[in-house]
Amino acid sequence: MAMTQLRQNQQSKLKQKLHYQILQAMDLRLTALKTELATALNHAFGAACSSEEITYLVEFCDYFGATDLKIEPKG
């Protein structure tokens, strides 16, 4: 019985470690995507915006339910 409990504890610790590593990887990827988004928008608009400003813009759009942002030419 002690062996099975030891295995269960080891498996539980391994699962926790893997879960933490996955969360770290997801957080790193999210940070990279935010930076890529800021770079793409800077290129598209020709303006210098920080990734923090782009994050605020995205949060603002999400808050008001904007899902498809299009800039149509005037005229």
Protein backbone atom coordinates (compact mmCIF):
# COMPACT_ATOMS: atom_id res chain seq x y z
CA MET A 1 0.00 0.00 0.00
CA ALA A 2 2.82 2.40 0.81
CA MET A 3 4.32 1.89 -2.67
CA THR A 4 1.08 2.79 -4.44
CA GLN A 5 0.69 5.88 -2.30
CA LEU A 6 4.29 6.86 -3.07
CA ARG A 7 3.63 6.45 -6.79
CA GLN A 8 0.46 8.50 -6.54
CA ASN A 9 2.35 11.28 -4.76
CA GLN A 10 5.07 11.23 -7.40
CA GLN A 11 2.51 11.31 -10.20
CA SER A 12 0.68 14.17 -8.51
CA LYS A 13 3.89 16.18 -8.18
CA LEU A 14 4.76 15.47 -11.81
CA LYS A 15 1.32 16.61 -12.95
CA GLN A 16 1.64 19.81 -10.94
CA LYS A 17 5.08 20.49 -12.42
CA LEU A 18 3.84 19.88 -15.96
CA HIS A 19 0.80 22.07 -15.35
CA TYR A 20 3.05 24.90 -14.14
CA GLN A 21 5.34 24.50 -17.16
CA ILE A 22 2.39 24.64 -19.54
CA LEU A 23 1.11 27.80 -17.86
CA GLN A 24 4.57 29.37 -18.16
CA ALA A 25 4.75 28.48 -21.85
CA MET A 26 1.28 29.91 -22.48
CA ASP A 27 2.18 33.13 -20.66
CA LEU A 28 5.38 33.47 -22.68
CA ARG A 29 3.49 32.90 -25.94
CA LEU A 30 0.84 35.46 -24.96
CA THR A 31 3.54 38.04 -24.30
CA ALA A 32 5.14 37.30 -27.66
CA LEU A 33 1.79 37.59 -29.45
CA LYS A 34 1.09 40.96 -27.83
CA THR A 35 4.46 42.22 -29.04
CA GLU A 36 3.82 40.86 -32.54
CA LEU A 37 0.41 42.53 -32.59
CA ALA A 38 1.91 45.86 -31.56
CA THR A 39 4.57 45.56 -34.26
CA ALA A 40 2.00 44.70 -36.93
CA LEU A 41 -0.24 47.61 -35.96
CA ASN A 42 2.72 49.99 -35.88
CA HIS A 43 3.60 48.91 -39.38
CA ALA A 44 0.00 49.16 -40.61
CA PHE A 45 -0.70 52.58 -39.13
CA GLY A 46 2.79 54.01 -39.36
CA ALA A 47 2.59 55.12 -35.74
CA ALA A 48 4.76 54.33 -32.77
CA CYS A 49 2.66 52.54 -30.16
CA SER A 50 3.94 50.48 -27.29
CA SER A 51 2.70 46.97 -26.66
CA GLU A 52 1.09 48.32 -23.47
CA GLU A 53 -0.92 50.88 -25.48
CA ILE A 54 -1.99 48.17 -27.92
CA THR A 55 -3.07 46.01 -24.99
CA TYR A 56 -5.24 48.85 -23.69
CA LEU A 57 -6.72 49.31 -27.16
CA VAL A 58 -7.56 45.61 -27.44
CA GLU A 59 -9.12 45.60 -23.96
CA PHE A 60 -11.16 48.68 -24.87
CA CYS A 61 -12.42 47.00 -28.04
CA ASP A 62 -13.23 43.78 -26.18
CA TYR A 63 -15.12 45.75 -23.52
CA PHE A 64 -17.41 47.27 -26.12
CA GLY A 65 -17.80 44.03 -28.04
CA ALA A 66 -15.83 45.01 -31.13
CA THR A 67 -14.85 41.80 -32.88
CA ASP A 68 -14.01 43.02 -36.36
CA LEU A 69 -12.10 46.28 -36.59
CA LYS A 70 -11.99 47.71 -40.08
CA ILE A 71 -10.73 51.06 -41.19
CA GLU A 72 -12.55 52.13 -44.32
CA PRO A 73 -11.17 54.89 -46.51
CA LYS A 74 -13.04 58.18 -46.48
CA GLY A 75 -14.60 59.42 -49.63
